[in-house]
Amino acid sequence: MFLVSCGKSPQNSSKQIDKKTMANIIAELQIVEAKVSRLNFQGVDSAKVAFNHYQEKIFKKYKIDSVTYGNNYRYYSEKPALFIEVYDDVVKILESKRDTVKTKK
């Protein structure tokens, strides 16, 4: 496989995910990861299957696939300033969701 990175966009075969959407996807994946880890599956394989199921639902919601997500994740991670902005938004999203859950109790 031959990869070329010019620093402008993920890869020509993948669509570029904007920062806000990327932050939403990562936040949703973090929530799913936490939910799956709390299910106390007997084996790692069961947890992986559950996580992959939810991950695919998230990707379908945003009309992407794992390759597009991976390429975009790599794109942002290679640009530390952008990556920090994305993760700052992830933290805000997660804090907002946490606060919403606290007020419902």
N, C-alpha and C. Protein backbone atom coordinates (compact mmCIF):
# COMPACT_ATOMS: atom_id res chain seq x y z
N MET A 1 0.85 -1.17 0.00
CA MET A 1 0.00 0.00 0.00
C MET A 1 0.90 1.23 0.00
N PHE A 2 0.52 2.23 -0.76
CA PHE A 2 1.29 3.46 -0.90
C PHE A 2 0.48 4.63 -0.37
N LEU A 3 1.00 5.29 0.66
CA LEU A 3 0.30 6.43 1.25
C LEU A 3 1.08 7.70 1.02
N VAL A 4 0.38 8.75 0.67
CA VAL A 4 1.00 10.06 0.48
C VAL A 4 0.23 11.05 1.36
N SER A 5 0.95 11.82 2.12
CA SER A 5 0.29 12.82 2.96
C SER A 5 0.80 14.20 2.60
N CYS A 6 -0.10 15.03 2.14
CA CYS A 6 0.30 16.39 1.80
C CYS A 6 -0.14 17.36 2.87
N GLY A 7 -0.81 16.87 3.93
CA GLY A 7 -1.20 17.71 5.04
C GLY A 7 -2.45 18.53 4.81
N LYS A 8 -3.13 18.36 3.69
CA LYS A 8 -4.30 19.18 3.40
C LYS A 8 -5.60 18.51 3.83
N SER A 9 -5.74 17.25 3.58
CA SER A 9 -6.97 16.55 3.95
C SER A 9 -6.62 15.11 4.25
N PRO A 10 -7.56 14.37 4.85
CA PRO A 10 -7.27 12.98 5.19
C PRO A 10 -6.71 12.21 3.99
N GLN A 11 -7.45 11.55 3.24
CA GLN A 11 -6.98 10.92 2.02
C GLN A 11 -8.02 11.16 0.96
N ASN A 12 -7.58 11.22 -0.26
CA ASN A 12 -8.50 11.53 -1.35
C ASN A 12 -9.69 10.57 -1.40
N SER A 13 -9.48 9.33 -0.97
CA SER A 13 -10.57 8.35 -1.02
C SER A 13 -11.54 8.51 0.15
N SER A 14 -11.19 9.32 1.15
CA SER A 14 -12.05 9.52 2.31
C SER A 14 -12.57 10.94 2.32
N LYS A 15 -13.78 11.08 2.86
CA LYS A 15 -14.29 12.44 3.00
C LYS A 15 -13.69 13.05 4.26
N GLN A 16 -13.53 14.35 4.23
CA GLN A 16 -12.99 15.03 5.40
C GLN A 16 -14.11 15.32 6.38
N ILE A 17 -13.86 15.01 7.64
CA ILE A 17 -14.83 15.25 8.70
C ILE A 17 -14.44 16.55 9.39
N ASP A 18 -15.39 17.48 9.48
CA ASP A 18 -15.09 18.76 10.12
C ASP A 18 -14.85 18.56 11.62
N LYS A 19 -14.23 19.55 12.25
CA LYS A 19 -13.83 19.44 13.65
C LYS A 19 -15.01 19.16 14.58
N LYS A 20 -16.10 19.86 14.37
CA LYS A 20 -17.27 19.70 15.25
C LYS A 20 -17.82 18.28 15.15
N THR A 21 -17.96 17.79 13.93
CA THR A 21 -18.47 16.43 13.74
C THR A 21 -17.50 15.41 14.30
N MET A 22 -16.21 15.61 14.09
CA MET A 22 -15.21 14.69 14.63
C MET A 22 -15.30 14.65 16.15
N ALA A 23 -15.47 15.79 16.77
CA ALA A 23 -15.60 15.84 18.23
C ALA A 23 -16.84 15.08 18.68
N ASN A 24 -17.94 15.23 17.96
CA ASN A 24 -19.17 14.49 18.30
C ASN A 24 -18.97 12.99 18.17
N ILE A 25 -18.31 12.57 17.11
CA ILE A 25 -18.06 11.14 16.91
C ILE A 25 -17.20 10.58 18.02
N ILE A 26 -16.11 11.27 18.33
CA ILE A 26 -15.20 10.80 19.38
C ILE A 26 -15.92 10.76 20.73
N ALA A 27 -16.72 11.77 21.02
CA ALA A 27 -17.47 11.79 22.29
C ALA A 27 -18.42 10.59 22.36
N GLU A 28 -19.13 10.33 21.28
CA GLU A 28 -20.05 9.19 21.28
C GLU A 28 -19.30 7.88 21.44
N LEU A 29 -18.14 7.77 20.80
CA LEU A 29 -17.34 6.56 20.95
C LEU A 29 -16.84 6.40 22.38
N GLN A 30 -16.48 7.49 23.03
CA GLN A 30 -16.03 7.44 24.42
C GLN A 30 -17.16 6.95 25.33
N ILE A 31 -18.37 7.45 25.08
CA ILE A 31 -19.52 7.04 25.88
C ILE A 31 -19.79 5.55 25.69
N VAL A 32 -19.75 5.09 24.44
CA VAL A 32 -19.97 3.68 24.16
C VAL A 32 -18.90 2.83 24.83
N GLU A 33 -17.67 3.26 24.75
CA GLU A 33 -16.59 2.51 25.39
C GLU A 33 -16.83 2.39 26.89
N ALA A 34 -17.27 3.47 27.52
CA ALA A 34 -17.56 3.43 28.96
C ALA A 34 -18.73 2.49 29.25
N LYS A 35 -19.78 2.56 28.43
CA LYS A 35 -20.94 1.69 28.64
C LYS A 35 -20.55 0.22 28.52
N VAL A 36 -19.79 -0.11 27.49
CA VAL A 36 -19.39 -1.50 27.27
C VAL A 36 -18.51 -1.98 28.41
N SER A 37 -17.62 -1.13 28.88
CA SER A 37 -16.73 -1.56 29.96
C SER A 37 -17.49 -1.82 31.26
N ARG A 38 -18.65 -1.17 31.42
CA ARG A 38 -19.46 -1.37 32.63
C ARG A 38 -20.37 -2.59 32.54
N LEU A 39 -20.47 -3.20 31.37
CA LEU A 39 -21.34 -4.36 31.20
C LEU A 39 -20.76 -5.65 31.78
N ASN A 40 -19.51 -5.62 32.17
CA ASN A 40 -18.85 -6.77 32.81
C ASN A 40 -18.96 -8.06 31.99
N PHE A 41 -18.60 -7.98 30.73
CA PHE A 41 -18.58 -9.18 29.90
C PHE A 41 -17.57 -10.16 30.45
N GLN A 42 -17.85 -11.44 30.28
CA GLN A 42 -16.95 -12.47 30.77
C GLN A 42 -15.64 -12.52 29.99
N GLY A 43 -15.69 -12.19 28.71
CA GLY A 43 -14.49 -12.24 27.90
C GLY A 43 -14.26 -10.96 27.12
N VAL A 44 -13.03 -10.74 26.77
CA VAL A 44 -12.66 -9.56 25.99
C VAL A 44 -13.35 -9.58 24.63
N ASP A 45 -13.49 -10.76 24.04
CA ASP A 45 -14.11 -10.88 22.74
C ASP A 45 -15.55 -10.37 22.75
N SER A 46 -16.29 -10.68 23.79
CA SER A 46 -17.67 -10.21 23.89
C SER A 46 -17.73 -8.70 23.98
N ALA A 47 -16.82 -8.11 24.73
CA ALA A 47 -16.77 -6.65 24.85
C ALA A 47 -16.43 -6.03 23.50
N LYS A 48 -15.50 -6.63 22.78
CA LYS A 48 -15.13 -6.11 21.46
C LYS A 48 -16.30 -6.18 20.49
N VAL A 49 -17.03 -7.27 20.52
CA VAL A 49 -18.18 -7.43 19.64
C VAL A 49 -19.23 -6.36 19.96
N ALA A 50 -19.48 -6.15 21.25
CA ALA A 50 -20.46 -5.13 21.65
C ALA A 50 -20.00 -3.75 21.23
N PHE A 51 -18.73 -3.43 21.49
CA PHE A 51 -18.21 -2.12 21.11
C PHE A 51 -18.29 -1.92 19.60
N ASN A 52 -17.87 -2.92 18.85
CA ASN A 52 -17.91 -2.82 17.38
C ASN A 52 -19.33 -2.61 16.86
N HIS A 53 -20.29 -3.26 17.49
CA HIS A 53 -21.69 -3.08 17.10
C HIS A 53 -22.10 -1.61 17.27
N TYR A 54 -21.83 -1.05 18.43
CA TYR A 54 -22.19 0.35 18.69
C TYR A 54 -21.39 1.31 17.83
N GLN A 55 -20.13 0.99 17.62
CA GLN A 55 -19.28 1.83 16.78
C GLN A 55 -19.84 1.91 15.36
N GLU A 56 -20.27 0.79 14.83
CA GLU A 56 -20.85 0.77 13.48
C GLU A 56 -22.12 1.61 13.42
N LYS A 57 -22.92 1.57 14.49
CA LYS A 57 -24.14 2.39 14.53
C LYS A 57 -23.78 3.87 14.50
N ILE A 58 -22.73 4.25 15.23
CA ILE A 58 -22.28 5.65 15.23
C ILE A 58 -21.78 6.03 13.86
N PHE A 59 -20.97 5.18 13.24
CA PHE A 59 -20.45 5.48 11.91
C PHE A 59 -21.60 5.62 10.91
N LYS A 60 -22.59 4.75 11.02
CA LYS A 60 -23.74 4.82 10.11
C LYS A 60 -24.49 6.14 10.32
N LYS A 61 -24.65 6.55 11.57
CA LYS A 61 -25.32 7.81 11.89
C LYS A 61 -24.65 8.99 11.20
N TYR A 62 -23.32 8.98 11.16
CA TYR A 62 -22.56 10.07 10.55
C TYR A 62 -22.19 9.80 9.10
N LYS A 63 -22.70 8.69 8.57
CA LYS A 63 -22.48 8.32 7.15
C LYS A 63 -20.99 8.22 6.81
N ILE A 64 -20.26 7.52 7.68
CA ILE A 64 -18.84 7.26 7.44
C ILE A 64 -18.58 5.77 7.67
N ASP A 65 -17.37 5.35 7.37
CA ASP A 65 -16.95 3.99 7.68
C ASP A 65 -15.67 4.06 8.52
N SER A 66 -15.17 2.92 8.92
CA SER A 66 -14.00 2.88 9.80
C SER A 66 -12.76 3.45 9.12
N VAL A 67 -12.65 3.28 7.82
CA VAL A 67 -11.49 3.81 7.09
C VAL A 67 -11.53 5.34 7.09
N THR A 68 -12.70 5.90 6.82
CA THR A 68 -12.85 7.36 6.83
C THR A 68 -12.55 7.90 8.21
N TYR A 69 -13.09 7.25 9.25
CA TYR A 69 -12.82 7.69 10.62
C TYR A 69 -11.32 7.62 10.92
N GLY A 70 -10.71 6.50 10.59
CA GLY A 70 -9.28 6.31 10.86
C GLY A 70 -8.42 7.33 10.14
N ASN A 71 -8.74 7.59 8.88
CA ASN A 71 -7.97 8.58 8.12
C ASN A 71 -8.11 9.98 8.73
N ASN A 72 -9.32 10.32 9.14
CA ASN A 72 -9.54 11.63 9.74
C ASN A 72 -8.91 11.73 11.12
N TYR A 73 -9.00 10.66 11.90
CA TYR A 73 -8.36 10.65 13.22
C TYR A 73 -6.85 10.87 13.06
N ARG A 74 -6.28 10.19 12.10
CA ARG A 74 -4.84 10.33 11.83
C ARG A 74 -4.53 11.76 11.38
N TYR A 75 -5.37 12.31 10.50
CA TYR A 75 -5.18 13.67 10.01
C TYR A 75 -5.13 14.67 11.18
N TYR A 76 -6.12 14.58 12.07
CA TYR A 76 -6.15 15.51 13.20
C TYR A 76 -5.01 15.25 14.18
N SER A 77 -4.67 13.99 14.39
CA SER A 77 -3.60 13.68 15.35
C SER A 77 -2.23 14.13 14.86
N GLU A 78 -2.09 14.29 13.56
CA GLU A 78 -0.81 14.78 13.01
C GLU A 78 -0.71 16.30 13.07
N LYS A 79 -1.77 16.95 13.50
CA LYS A 79 -1.80 18.41 13.65
C LYS A 79 -2.19 18.72 15.09
N PRO A 80 -1.21 18.77 15.98
CA PRO A 80 -1.50 18.88 17.41
C PRO A 80 -2.44 20.03 17.79
N ALA A 81 -2.31 21.18 17.19
CA ALA A 81 -3.18 22.31 17.54
C ALA A 81 -4.64 21.99 17.21
N LEU A 82 -4.87 21.40 16.04
CA LEU A 82 -6.23 21.01 15.65
C LEU A 82 -6.76 19.89 16.55
N PHE A 83 -5.89 18.95 16.86
CA PHE A 83 -6.27 17.81 17.69
C PHE A 83 -6.70 18.28 19.08
N ILE A 84 -5.98 19.25 19.62
CA ILE A 84 -6.33 19.81 20.93
C ILE A 84 -7.70 20.49 20.85
N GLU A 85 -7.95 21.21 19.77
CA GLU A 85 -9.26 21.86 19.59
C GLU A 85 -10.38 20.82 19.55
N VAL A 86 -10.15 19.74 18.82
CA VAL A 86 -11.15 18.67 18.72
C VAL A 86 -11.40 18.09 20.11
N TYR A 87 -10.33 17.77 20.84
CA TYR A 87 -10.51 17.15 22.15
C TYR A 87 -11.05 18.12 23.19
N ASP A 88 -10.78 19.40 23.05
CA ASP A 88 -11.42 20.39 23.93
C ASP A 88 -12.94 20.32 23.73
N ASP A 89 -13.36 20.19 22.47
CA ASP A 89 -14.79 20.07 22.18
C ASP A 89 -15.36 18.75 22.70
N VAL A 90 -14.57 17.69 22.61
CA VAL A 90 -15.01 16.39 23.14
C VAL A 90 -15.29 16.52 24.64
N VAL A 91 -14.38 17.15 25.34
CA VAL A 91 -14.54 17.33 26.79
C VAL A 91 -15.80 18.14 27.08
N LYS A 92 -16.02 19.21 26.33
CA LYS A 92 -17.23 20.03 26.53
C LYS A 92 -18.50 19.22 26.29
N ILE A 93 -18.50 18.40 25.25
CA ILE A 93 -19.66 17.56 24.94
C ILE A 93 -19.92 16.58 26.08
N LEU A 94 -18.86 15.92 26.54
CA LEU A 94 -19.01 14.94 27.61
C LEU A 94 -19.45 15.60 28.92
N GLU A 95 -18.90 16.76 29.21
CA GLU A 95 -19.31 17.48 30.42
C GLU A 95 -20.78 17.89 30.33
N SER A 96 -21.20 18.33 29.16
CA SER A 96 -22.60 18.72 28.96
C SER A 96 -23.52 17.53 29.17
N LYS A 97 -23.15 16.39 28.62
CA LYS A 97 -23.96 15.18 28.78
C LYS A 97 -23.99 14.74 30.25
N ARG A 98 -22.86 14.85 30.93
CA ARG A 98 -22.80 14.50 32.35
C ARG A 98 -23.72 15.42 33.15
N ASP A 99 -23.66 16.71 32.87
CA ASP A 99 -24.49 17.67 33.58
C ASP A 99 -25.97 17.43 33.34
N THR A 100 -26.31 17.03 32.12
CA THR A 100 -27.70 16.72 31.79
C THR A 100 -28.18 15.52 32.59
N VAL A 101 -27.34 14.52 32.71
CA VAL A 101 -27.70 13.31 33.48
C VAL A 101 -27.84 13.68 34.95
N LYS A 102 -26.96 14.51 35.48
CA LYS A 102 -27.03 14.90 36.90
C LYS A 102 -28.32 15.66 37.21
N THR A 103 -28.75 16.52 36.30
CA THR A 103 -29.96 17.30 36.56
C THR A 103 -31.22 16.46 36.45
N LYS A 104 -31.15 15.34 35.75
CA LYS A 104 -32.32 14.45 35.63
C LYS A 104 -32.51 13.58 36.86
N LYS A 105 -31.48 13.42 37.68
CA LYS A 105 -31.57 12.56 38.86
C LYS A 105 -32.28 13.24 40.00
